[in-house]
C-alpha atoms as a PDB file:
ATOM      1  CA  MET A   1      14.777  -1.875   8.813  1.00  0.00           C
ATOM      2  CA  GLY A   2      18.114  -3.531   9.558  1.00  0.00           C
ATOM      3  CA  ALA A   3      17.766  -7.121  10.720  1.00  0.00           C
ATOM      4  CA  ASN A   4      14.372  -6.270  12.120  1.00  0.00           C
ATOM      5  CA  PRO A   5      11.997  -3.371  11.463  1.00  0.00           C
ATOM      6  CA  GLU A   6      12.873  -0.438  13.682  1.00  0.00           C
ATOM      7  CA  ARG A   7       9.748   0.786  15.417  1.00  0.00           C
ATOM      8  CA  THR A   8       9.376   3.803  17.627  1.00  0.00           C
ATOM      9  CA  GLN A   9       8.897   2.877  21.248  1.00  0.00           C
ATOM     10  CA  ARG A  10       6.559   5.717  22.078  1.00  0.00           C
ATOM     11  CA  GLY A  11       2.875   5.163  21.536  1.00  0.00           C
ATOM     12  CA  MET A  12       0.806   7.530  19.480  1.00  0.00           C
ATOM     13  CA  PRO A  13      -1.511   9.992  21.245  1.00  0.00           C
ATOM     14  CA  ASN A  14      -5.186   9.137  21.500  1.00  0.00           C
ATOM     15  CA  ALA A  15      -7.210  10.190  18.468  1.00  0.00           C
ATOM     16  CA  PRO A  16      -7.938  13.931  18.724  1.00  0.00           C
ATOM     17  CA  ARG A  17     -11.458  15.156  18.249  1.00  0.00           C
ATOM     18  CA  ALA A  18     -10.403  16.525  14.859  1.00  0.00           C
ATOM     19  CA  ALA A  19      -8.306  13.642  13.513  1.00  0.00           C
ATOM     20  CA  SER A  20      -7.405  13.378   9.835  1.00  0.00           C
ATOM     21  CA  VAL A  21      -6.969  10.079   7.990  1.00  0.00           C
ATOM     22  CA  LEU A  22      -5.203   9.204   4.738  1.00  0.00           C
ATOM     23  CA  ILE A  23      -6.533   6.156   2.878  1.00  0.00           C
ATOM     24  CA  SER A  24      -4.230   4.516   0.336  1.00  0.00           C
ATOM     25  CA  SER A  25      -6.424   2.347  -1.880  1.00  0.00           C
ATOM     26  CA  ASP A  26      -5.133  -0.429  -4.107  1.00  0.00           C
ATOM     27  CA  MET A  27      -7.371  -2.876  -5.957  1.00  0.00           C
ATOM     28  CA  GLU A  28      -5.903  -6.385  -6.237  1.00  0.00           C
ATOM     29  CA  GLY A  29      -6.615  -7.066  -2.565  1.00  0.00           C
ATOM     30  CA  CYS A  30     -10.293  -6.104  -2.700  1.00  0.00           C
ATOM     31  CA  ALA A  31     -13.050  -8.662  -2.186  1.00  0.00           C
ATOM     32  CA  THR A  32     -13.576 -11.336  -4.896  1.00  0.00           C
ATOM     33  CA  LEU A  33     -11.007  -9.972  -7.389  1.00  0.00           C
ATOM     34  CA  VAL A  34      -8.674 -12.722  -8.626  1.00  0.00           C
ATOM     35  CA  HIS A  35      -7.504 -11.898 -12.176  1.00  0.00           C
ATOM     36  CA  TRP A  36      -5.814  -9.072 -14.059  1.00  0.00           C
ATOM     37  CA  ASP A  37      -8.811  -8.883 -16.398  1.00  0.00           C
ATOM     38  CA  GLU A  38     -10.835  -7.577 -13.455  1.00  0.00           C
ATOM     39  CA  VAL A  39      -8.415  -4.882 -12.329  1.00  0.00           C
ATOM     40  CA  ARG A  40      -7.067  -3.654 -15.673  1.00  0.00           C
ATOM     41  CA  PRO A  41      -8.522  -0.177 -16.326  1.00  0.00           C
ATOM     42  CA  GLY A  42     -10.932  -0.029 -19.244  1.00  0.00           C
ATOM     43  CA  SER A  43     -14.566  -0.519 -20.120  1.00  0.00           C
ATOM     44  CA  ALA A  44     -14.789  -4.281 -19.576  1.00  0.00           C
ATOM     45  CA  PRO A  45     -17.694  -5.368 -17.336  1.00  0.00           C
ATOM     46  CA  GLU A  46     -15.224  -7.054 -14.973  1.00  0.00           C
ATOM     47  CA  TYR A  47     -13.401  -3.775 -14.361  1.00  0.00           C
ATOM     48  CA  VAL A  48     -16.625  -1.806 -13.952  1.00  0.00           C
ATOM     49  CA  ARG A  49     -17.616  -4.267 -11.226  1.00  0.00           C
ATOM     50  CA  ALA A  50     -14.159  -4.047  -9.627  1.00  0.00           C
ATOM     51  CA  ARG A  51     -14.402  -0.246  -9.460  1.00  0.00           C
ATOM     52  CA  ARG A  52     -17.702  -0.578  -7.609  1.00  0.00           C
ATOM     53  CA  ILE A  53     -16.216  -3.026  -5.103  1.00  0.00           C
ATOM     54  CA  LEU A  54     -13.181  -0.797  -4.537  1.00  0.00           C
ATOM     55  CA  THR A  55     -15.332   2.296  -4.075  1.00  0.00           C
ATOM     56  CA  ASP A  56     -17.560   0.490  -1.583  1.00  0.00           C
ATOM     57  CA  GLU A  57     -14.570  -0.626   0.502  1.00  0.00           C
ATOM     58  CA  VAL A  58     -13.076   2.867   0.478  1.00  0.00           C
ATOM     59  CA  ASN A  59     -16.446   4.353   1.457  1.00  0.00           C
ATOM     60  CA  ALA A  60     -16.667   1.844   4.299  1.00  0.00           C
ATOM     61  CA  ALA A  61     -13.226   2.817   5.590  1.00  0.00           C
ATOM     62  CA  ALA A  62     -14.133   6.499   5.419  1.00  0.00           C
ATOM     63  CA  ALA A  63     -17.453   5.924   7.183  1.00  0.00           C
ATOM     64  CA  GLY A  64     -15.689   4.118  10.021  1.00  0.00           C
ATOM     65  CA  ALA A  65     -13.158   6.912  10.371  1.00  0.00           C
ATOM     66  CA  PHE A  66     -15.843   9.592  10.481  1.00  0.00           C
ATOM     67  CA  ALA A  67     -17.829   7.571  13.016  1.00  0.00           C
ATOM     68  CA  ALA A  68     -14.751   7.469  15.266  1.00  0.00           C
ATOM     69  CA  GLY A  69     -14.275  11.224  15.157  1.00  0.00           C
ATOM     70  CA  ALA A  70     -12.267  12.000  12.034  1.00  0.00           C
ATOM     71  CA  ASN A  71     -12.967  15.428  10.604  1.00  0.00           C
ATOM     72  CA  ARG A  72     -11.069  14.889   7.349  1.00  0.00           C
ATOM     73  CA  VAL A  73     -10.497  11.822   5.182  1.00  0.00           C
ATOM     74  CA  VAL A  74      -8.298  11.962   2.089  1.00  0.00           C
ATOM     75  CA  VAL A  75      -8.291   8.993  -0.296  1.00  0.00           C
ATOM     76  CA  ASN A  76      -5.296   8.478  -2.564  1.00  0.00           C
ATOM     77  CA  ASP A  77      -6.317   6.274  -5.506  1.00  0.00           C
ATOM     78  CA  SER A  78      -3.201   4.099  -5.785  1.00  0.00           C
ATOM     79  CA  HIS A  79      -3.913   1.379  -8.352  1.00  0.00           C
ATOM     80  CA  SER A  80      -2.500   1.370 -11.902  1.00  0.00           C
ATOM     81  CA  THR A  81      -3.573   4.627 -13.609  1.00  0.00           C
ATOM     82  CA  MET A  82      -4.854   5.774 -10.202  1.00  0.00           C
ATOM     83  CA  ARG A  83      -8.218   6.717 -11.679  1.00  0.00           C
ATOM     84  CA  ASN A  84     -10.257   3.798 -10.374  1.00  0.00           C
ATOM     85  CA  ILE A  85     -12.535   5.125  -7.648  1.00  0.00           C
ATOM     86  CA  ASP A  86     -15.988   5.997  -8.951  1.00  0.00           C
ATOM     87  CA  LEU A  87     -16.032   9.640  -7.899  1.00  0.00           C
ATOM     88  CA  GLU A  88     -19.794   9.895  -8.354  1.00  0.00           C
ATOM     89  CA  ARG A  89     -20.309   7.065  -5.842  1.00  0.00           C
ATOM     90  CA  ALA A  90     -17.609   8.154  -3.397  1.00  0.00           C
ATOM     91  CA  ASP A  91     -18.646   9.395   0.045  1.00  0.00           C
ATOM     92  CA  PRO A  92     -19.202  13.145  -0.493  1.00  0.00           C
ATOM     93  CA  ARG A  93     -17.300  13.902   2.712  1.00  0.00           C
ATOM     94  CA  VAL A  94     -13.985  12.566   1.380  1.00  0.00           C
ATOM     95  CA  GLU A  95     -11.322  14.204  -0.739  1.00  0.00           C
ATOM     96  CA  VAL A  96      -9.975  11.972  -3.533  1.00  0.00           C
ATOM     97  CA  ILE A  97      -6.509  12.336  -5.049  1.00  0.00           C
ATOM     98  CA  SER A  98      -6.876  10.969  -8.568  1.00  0.00           C
ATOM     99  CA  GLY A  99      -4.386  10.418 -11.382  1.00  0.00           C
ATOM    100  CA  HIS A 100      -0.882   8.955 -11.526  1.00  0.00           C
ATOM    101  CA  PHE A 101       2.685  10.311 -11.650  1.00  0.00           C
ATOM    102  CA  LYS A 102       2.525  11.545  -8.064  1.00  0.00           C
ATOM    103  CA  PRO A 103       5.568  12.631  -6.011  1.00  0.00           C
ATOM    104  CA  HIS A 104       4.623  10.270  -3.159  1.00  0.00           C
ATOM    105  CA  TYR A 105       2.964   7.671  -5.412  1.00  0.00           C
ATOM    106  CA  MET A 106       0.745   5.367  -3.315  1.00  0.00           C
ATOM    107  CA  LEU A 107       0.976   7.723  -0.330  1.00  0.00           C
ATOM    108  CA  GLN A 108       0.366  11.016  -2.082  1.00  0.00           C
ATOM    109  CA  GLY A 109      -0.816  13.554   0.471  1.00  0.00           C
ATOM    110  CA  ILE A 110       1.135  12.006   3.343  1.00  0.00           C
ATOM    111  CA  ALA A 111       3.313  15.119   3.739  1.00  0.00           C
ATOM    112  CA  GLN A 112       0.240  17.150   4.758  1.00  0.00           C
ATOM    113  CA  GLY A 113       0.298  15.416   8.128  1.00  0.00           C
ATOM    114  CA  PHE A 114      -2.309  12.878   9.271  1.00  0.00           C
ATOM    115  CA  ALA A 115      -3.239  11.194  12.521  1.00  0.00           C
ATOM    116  CA  ALA A 116      -3.377   7.805  10.809  1.00  0.00           C
ATOM    117  CA  ALA A 117      -3.185   5.924   7.516  1.00  0.00           C
ATOM    118  CA  TYR A 118      -5.423   3.113   6.263  1.00  0.00           C
ATOM    119  CA  PHE A 119      -4.273   0.697   3.534  1.00  0.00           C
ATOM    120  CA  ILE A 120      -7.295  -0.697   1.658  1.00  0.00           C
ATOM    121  CA  GLY A 121      -7.293  -3.435  -1.001  1.00  0.00           C
ATOM    122  CA  TYR A 122      -3.604  -4.281  -0.576  1.00  0.00           C
ATOM    123  CA  HIS A 123      -2.044  -7.484  -1.937  1.00  0.00           C
ATOM    124  CA  GLY A 124       0.957  -9.734  -1.370  1.00  0.00           C
ATOM    125  CA  GLY A 125       4.388  -9.063  -2.805  1.00  0.00           C
ATOM    126  CA  ILE A 126       5.863 -10.764  -5.812  1.00  0.00           C
ATOM    127  CA  GLY A 127       7.221 -14.172  -4.887  1.00  0.00           C
ATOM    128  CA  SER A 128       4.732 -14.731  -2.067  1.00  0.00           C
ATOM    129  CA  GLN A 129       3.480 -18.283  -2.481  1.00  0.00           C
ATOM    130  CA  ASP A 130      -0.155 -17.621  -1.604  1.00  0.00           C
ATOM    131  CA  ALA A 131      -0.963 -14.205  -3.029  1.00  0.00           C
ATOM    132  CA  VAL A 132      -3.543 -13.558  -5.740  1.00  0.00           C
ATOM    133  CA  MET A 133      -1.916 -11.334  -8.377  1.00  0.00           C
ATOM    134  CA  GLY A 134       1.081 -10.885  -6.098  1.00  0.00           C
ATOM    135  CA  HIS A 135       3.541  -8.248  -7.307  1.00  0.00           C
ATOM    136  CA  THR A 136       5.605  -5.358  -6.014  1.00  0.00           C
ATOM    137  CA  TYR A 137       4.621  -2.119  -7.754  1.00  0.00           C
ATOM    138  CA  SER A 138       5.338  -3.324 -11.311  1.00  0.00           C
ATOM    139  CA  PRO A 139       4.744  -6.940 -12.378  1.00  0.00           C
ATOM    140  CA  HIS A 140       6.403  -6.035 -15.693  1.00  0.00           C
ATOM    141  CA  ALA A 141       9.792  -4.966 -14.345  1.00  0.00           C
ATOM    142  CA  ILE A 142      10.325  -5.831 -10.662  1.00  0.00           C
ATOM    143  CA  PHE A 143      11.136  -9.330  -9.413  1.00  0.00           C
ATOM    144  CA  GLU A 144      11.926  -8.442  -5.792  1.00  0.00           C
ATOM    145  CA  CYS A 145      12.625  -5.443  -3.542  1.00  0.00           C
ATOM    146  CA  ARG A 146      14.715  -5.525  -0.380  1.00  0.00           C
ATOM    147  CA  LEU A 147      14.785  -2.835   2.272  1.00  0.00           C
ATOM    148  CA  ASN A 148      17.910  -2.939   4.431  1.00  0.00           C
ATOM    149  CA  GLY A 149      18.433  -6.540   3.390  1.00  0.00           C
ATOM    150  CA  GLU A 150      14.885  -7.803   3.998  1.00  0.00           C
ATOM    151  CA  VAL A 151      12.371  -8.665   1.303  1.00  0.00           C
ATOM    152  CA  ALA A 152       9.756  -5.911   1.254  1.00  0.00           C
ATOM    153  CA  SER A 153       6.361  -5.663  -0.409  1.00  0.00           C
ATOM    154  CA  GLU A 154       4.307  -2.567  -1.194  1.00  0.00           C
ATOM    155  CA  LEU A 155       2.733  -2.832   2.260  1.00  0.00           C
ATOM    156  CA  THR A 156       6.070  -2.712   4.060  1.00  0.00           C
ATOM    157  CA  LEU A 157       7.667  -0.066   1.831  1.00  0.00           C
ATOM    158  CA  ASN A 158       4.626   2.206   2.019  1.00  0.00           C
ATOM    159  CA  ALA A 159       4.397   1.747   5.791  1.00  0.00           C
ATOM    160  CA  ALA A 160       8.044   2.783   6.093  1.00  0.00           C
ATOM    161  CA  LEU A 161       7.342   5.949   4.094  1.00  0.00           C
ATOM    162  CA  ALA A 162       4.369   6.695   6.346  1.00  0.00           C
ATOM    163  CA  GLY A 163       6.679   6.241   9.327  1.00  0.00           C
ATOM    164  CA  HIS A 164       9.093   8.758   7.837  1.00  0.00           C
ATOM    165  CA  PHE A 165       6.277  11.313   8.004  1.00  0.00           C
ATOM    166  CA  ALA A 166       5.329  10.208  11.553  1.00  0.00           C
ATOM    167  CA  VAL A 167       2.022   8.689  10.423  1.00  0.00           C
ATOM    168  CA  PRO A 168       1.094   5.271  11.862  1.00  0.00           C
ATOM    169  CA  VAL A 169      -0.613   2.683   9.659  1.00  0.00           C
ATOM    170  CA  VAL A 170      -3.539   1.480  11.761  1.00  0.00           C
ATOM    171  CA  LEU A 171      -5.720  -0.463   9.293  1.00  0.00           C
ATOM    172  CA  VAL A 172      -4.827  -2.932   6.532  1.00  0.00           C
ATOM    173  CA  SER A 173      -7.280  -4.850   4.345  1.00  0.00           C
ATOM    174  CA  GLY A 174      -6.330  -7.449   1.757  1.00  0.00           C
ATOM    175  CA  ASP A 175      -5.844 -11.150   1.179  1.00  0.00           C
ATOM    176  CA  ALA A 176      -4.661 -13.508   3.919  1.00  0.00           C
ATOM    177  CA  THR A 177      -1.012 -13.139   2.894  1.00  0.00           C
ATOM    178  CA  THR A 178      -1.255  -9.364   3.258  1.00  0.00           C
ATOM    179  CA  VAL A 179      -2.960  -9.675   6.631  1.00  0.00           C
ATOM    180  CA  ALA A 180      -0.216 -12.031   7.839  1.00  0.00           C
ATOM    181  CA  GLU A 181       2.463  -9.549   6.751  1.00  0.00           C
ATOM    182  CA  SER A 182       0.657  -6.754   8.559  1.00  0.00           C
ATOM    183  CA  LYS A 183       0.484  -8.797  11.750  1.00  0.00           C
ATOM    184  CA  ARG A 184       4.254  -9.399  11.541  1.00  0.00           C
ATOM    185  CA  ASN A 185       5.335  -5.835  10.818  1.00  0.00           C
ATOM    186  CA  LEU A 186       2.417  -3.742  12.106  1.00  0.00           C
ATOM    187  CA  PRO A 187       1.007  -5.794  14.998  1.00  0.00           C
ATOM    188  CA  TRP A 188      -0.966  -2.818  16.341  1.00  0.00           C
ATOM    189  CA  ALA A 189      -2.935  -2.364  13.098  1.00  0.00           C
ATOM    190  CA  GLN A 190      -6.499  -3.580  12.646  1.00  0.00           C
ATOM    191  CA  THR A 191      -6.825  -6.025   9.738  1.00  0.00           C
ATOM    192  CA  VAL A 192      -9.590  -7.265   7.445  1.00  0.00           C
ATOM    193  CA  GLU A 193      -9.078 -10.432   5.414  1.00  0.00           C
ATOM    194  CA  THR A 194     -10.881 -10.162   2.079  1.00  0.00           C
ATOM    195  CA  LYS A 195      -9.956 -13.569   0.656  1.00  0.00           C
ATOM    196  CA  ARG A 196      -7.632 -16.513   1.117  1.00  0.00           C
ATOM    197  CA  SER A 197      -5.487 -17.150  -1.926  1.00  0.00           C
ATOM    198  CA  LEU A 198      -5.457 -20.660  -3.370  1.00  0.00           C
ATOM    199  CA  SER A 199      -3.128 -19.843  -6.263  1.00  0.00           C
ATOM    200  CA  TYR A 200      -1.999 -16.831  -8.269  1.00  0.00           C
ATOM    201  CA  TYR A 201      -5.402 -16.649  -9.956  1.00  0.00           C
ATOM    202  CA  SER A 202      -7.829 -18.145  -7.439  1.00  0.00           C
ATOM    203  CA  ALA A 203      -9.038 -17.502  -3.909  1.00  0.00           C
ATOM    204  CA  ASP A 204     -11.664 -18.421  -1.345  1.00  0.00           C
ATOM    205  CA  CYS A 205     -13.488 -15.085  -1.178  1.00  0.00           C
ATOM    206  CA  ALA A 206     -15.670 -13.341   1.369  1.00  0.00           C
ATOM    207  CA  SER A 207     -18.645 -11.458  -0.071  1.00  0.00           C
ATOM    208  CA  PRO A 208     -18.143  -7.774  -0.921  1.00  0.00           C
ATOM    209  CA  GLN A 209     -20.911  -6.778   1.501  1.00  0.00           C
ATOM    210  CA  ARG A 210     -19.352  -8.732   4.356  1.00  0.00           C
ATOM    211  CA  VAL A 211     -15.930  -7.240   3.642  1.00  0.00           C
ATOM    212  CA  SER A 212     -17.270  -3.683   3.525  1.00  0.00           C
ATOM    213  CA  GLU A 213     -19.043  -4.169   6.845  1.00  0.00           C
ATOM    214  CA  ALA A 214     -15.836  -5.515   8.399  1.00  0.00           C
ATOM    215  CA  VAL A 215     -13.780  -2.643   6.971  1.00  0.00           C
ATOM    216  CA  ARG A 216     -16.168  -0.065   8.418  1.00  0.00           C
ATOM    217  CA  ALA A 217     -15.996  -1.607  11.882  1.00  0.00           C
ATOM    218  CA  ALA A 218     -12.209  -2.016  11.771  1.00  0.00           C
ATOM    219  CA  ALA A 219     -11.733   1.562  10.540  1.00  0.00           C
ATOM    220  CA  ALA A 220     -13.629   2.912  13.535  1.00  0.00           C
ATOM    221  CA  THR A 221     -11.745   0.696  15.982  1.00  0.00           C
ATOM    222  CA  ALA A 222      -8.401   1.646  14.424  1.00  0.00           C
ATOM    223  CA  LEU A 223      -8.921   5.341  15.100  1.00  0.00           C
ATOM    224  CA  GLU A 224     -10.389   4.777  18.547  1.00  0.00           C
ATOM    225  CA  ARG A 225      -7.300   2.755  19.517  1.00  0.00           C
ATOM    226  CA  ILE A 226      -4.697   4.948  17.851  1.00  0.00           C
ATOM    227  CA  GLY A 227      -2.978   5.424  21.189  1.00  0.00           C
ATOM    228  CA  GLU A 228      -1.754   1.821  20.891  1.00  0.00           C
ATOM    229  CA  ALA A 229      -0.200   2.375  17.454  1.00  0.00           C
ATOM    230  CA  LYS A 230       3.498   2.774  16.717  1.00  0.00           C
ATOM    231  CA  LEU A 231       5.450   4.132  13.797  1.00  0.00           C
ATOM    232  CA  PHE A 232       7.075   1.701  11.384  1.00  0.00           C
ATOM    233  CA  SER A 233      10.437   3.198  10.452  1.00  0.00           C
ATOM    234  CA  ALA A 234      13.421   2.115   8.370  1.00  0.00           C
ATOM    235  CA  SER A 235      16.825   2.486   9.994  1.00  0.00           C
ATOM    236  CA  VAL A 236      19.102   4.965   8.229  1.00  0.00           C
ATOM    237  CA  PRO A 237      20.919   5.098   5.938  1.00  0.00           C
ATOM    238  CA  VAL A 238      18.300   3.206   3.936  1.00  0.00           C
ATOM    239  CA  ARG A 239      19.661   0.526   1.609  1.00  0.00           C
ATOM    240  CA  LEU A 240      17.347  -0.396  -1.243  1.00  0.00           C
ATOM    241  CA  GLU A 241      17.981  -3.341  -3.571  1.00  0.00           C
ATOM    242  CA  ILE A 242      15.887  -4.193  -6.615  1.00  0.00           C
ATOM    243  CA  ASP A 243      15.987  -7.435  -8.582  1.00  0.00           C
ATOM    244  CA  THR A 244      14.536  -6.794 -12.039  1.00  0.00           C
ATOM    245  CA  LEU A 245      12.820  -9.262 -14.340  1.00  0.00           C
ATOM    246  CA  LYS A 246      15.216  -8.702 -17.244  1.00  0.00           C
ATOM    247  CA  THR A 247      18.797  -7.498 -17.492  1.00  0.00           C
ATOM    248  CA  TYR A 248      17.722  -4.598 -19.699  1.00  0.00           C
ATOM    249  CA  HIS A 249      15.618  -3.262 -16.823  1.00  0.00           C
ATOM    250  CA  SER A 250      18.774  -3.162 -14.706  1.00  0.00           C
ATOM    251  CA  ASP A 251      20.676  -1.652 -17.645  1.00  0.00           C
ATOM    252  CA  ALA A 252      18.336   1.336 -17.606  1.00  0.00           C
ATOM    253  CA  ILE A 253      18.211   1.788 -13.828  1.00  0.00           C
ATOM    254  CA  ALA A 254      21.997   1.528 -13.451  1.00  0.00           C
ATOM    255  CA  TRP A 255      22.397   4.625 -15.636  1.00  0.00           C
ATOM    256  CA  MET A 256      20.597   6.684 -12.994  1.00  0.00           C
ATOM    257  CA  PRO A 257      22.773   8.722 -10.591  1.00  0.00           C
ATOM    258  CA  GLY A 258      23.188   7.095  -7.195  1.00  0.00           C
ATOM    259  CA  PHE A 259      22.516   3.513  -8.327  1.00  0.00           C
ATOM    260  CA  SER A 260      25.097   0.726  -8.398  1.00  0.00           C
ATOM    261  CA  ARG A 261      24.764  -2.685 -10.025  1.00  0.00           C
ATOM    262  CA  PRO A 262      25.987  -5.536  -7.829  1.00  0.00           C
ATOM    263  CA  GLY A 263      24.514  -8.205 -10.124  1.00  0.00           C
ATOM    264  CA  PRO A 264      23.201  -8.747 -13.672  1.00  0.00           C
ATOM    265  CA  ARG A 265      19.585  -8.202 -12.580  1.00  0.00           C
ATOM    266  CA  THR A 266      20.239  -6.351  -9.318  1.00  0.00           C
ATOM    267  CA  VAL A 267      20.568  -2.629  -8.711  1.00  0.00           C
ATOM    268  CA  SER A 268      21.174  -0.897  -5.393  1.00  0.00           C
ATOM    269  CA  PHE A 269      20.627   2.561  -3.922  1.00  0.00           C
ATOM    270  CA  THR A 270      21.470   3.976  -0.494  1.00  0.00           C
ATOM    271  CA  GLY A 271      19.383   6.894   0.703  1.00  0.00           C
ATOM    272  CA  THR A 272      19.891   9.261   3.594  1.00  0.00           C
ATOM    273  CA  ASP A 273      16.294   8.571   4.655  1.00  0.00           C
ATOM    274  CA  MET A 274      13.217   6.620   3.570  1.00  0.00           C
ATOM    275  CA  LEU A 275      11.831   9.445   1.464  1.00  0.00           C
ATOM    276  CA  GLN A 276      14.962   9.602  -0.669  1.00  0.00           C
ATOM    277  CA  ALA A 277      15.004   5.818  -1.059  1.00  0.00           C
ATOM    278  CA  TYR A 278      11.294   5.704  -1.936  1.00  0.00           C
ATOM    279  CA  ARG A 279      11.661   8.385  -4.595  1.00  0.00           C
ATOM    280  CA  ALA A 280      14.625   6.516  -6.051  1.00  0.00           C
ATOM    281  CA  LEU A 281      12.517   3.348  -6.171  1.00  0.00           C
ATOM    282  CA  MET A 282       9.642   5.083  -7.949  1.00  0.00           C
ATOM    283  CA  ALA A 283      12.012   6.704 -10.458  1.00  0.00           C
ATOM    284  CA  ALA A 284      13.650   3.329 -11.079  1.00  0.00           C
ATOM    285  CA  ILE A 285      10.289   1.711 -11.765  1.00  0.00           C
ATOM    286  CA  TYR A 286       9.278   4.430 -14.225  1.00  0.00           C
ATOM    287  CA  VAL A 287      12.611   4.122 -16.048  1.00  0.00           C
ATOM    288  CA  ALA A 288      12.532   0.315 -16.113  1.00  0.00           C
ATOM    289  CA  THR A 289       8.979   0.081 -17.430  1.00  0.00           C
ATOM    290  CA  ALA A 290       9.823   2.573 -20.180  1.00  0.00           C
ATOM    291  CA  ALA A 291      12.952   0.686 -21.249  1.00  0.00           C
END
């Protein structure tokens, strides 16, 4: 990213008649969800309701894509255990990648090649002042991530990985903080605001039905206007810095080949490209959370 995100100057081609779309679905940014109790996998009524809301928003995004001419939609379940989408209620036309420990994590499937990517249910990064349940991948180990010197959330890091594979992110849904970040870094992308955060555990929320309707419309528009999209790419070499919550998290990560430790709670990695940096980040998170 350097001082500013490096974006390709060429526009993307208009959506082909047989366009394919990858949907990366998180949960904290979905309509009405404001507390970990609602998004923590289990049998609690709050989580059962959250799964339904997530599935409805994903179905809406898929429906919009199909309406705009997509012939294939792949959904990568990207929250927590990555087994959140109710597969029995999912649109039967979609393919769902379920389960965690994936090589490309929140963007599993991206290497297959897609015309576009949609980010559904995304949330603000850790440290964002107005972001319900704001965090960056792991609220238990990561305090902050920086990509080429700039603070980066899941939205930005995942968009950079999509750019590495020449896939433009053309739709983002989430809270107001997430939408604002998308407008800064991905100004061509369609956005849907699901709620406006009031604090870490409260928000002024739009109804799930209203959000799903907006997602469906935005998903169709996003594919119809794909010719206006650009790729979001990180300049190379890619410098990744991670501030951990505890020094023992950095202890563990610093033992990994390729990492240096410029500070007590800071580790650093330089990758030849975004894919290498992203894989290093995911490995670091797994190691830190196991420490």
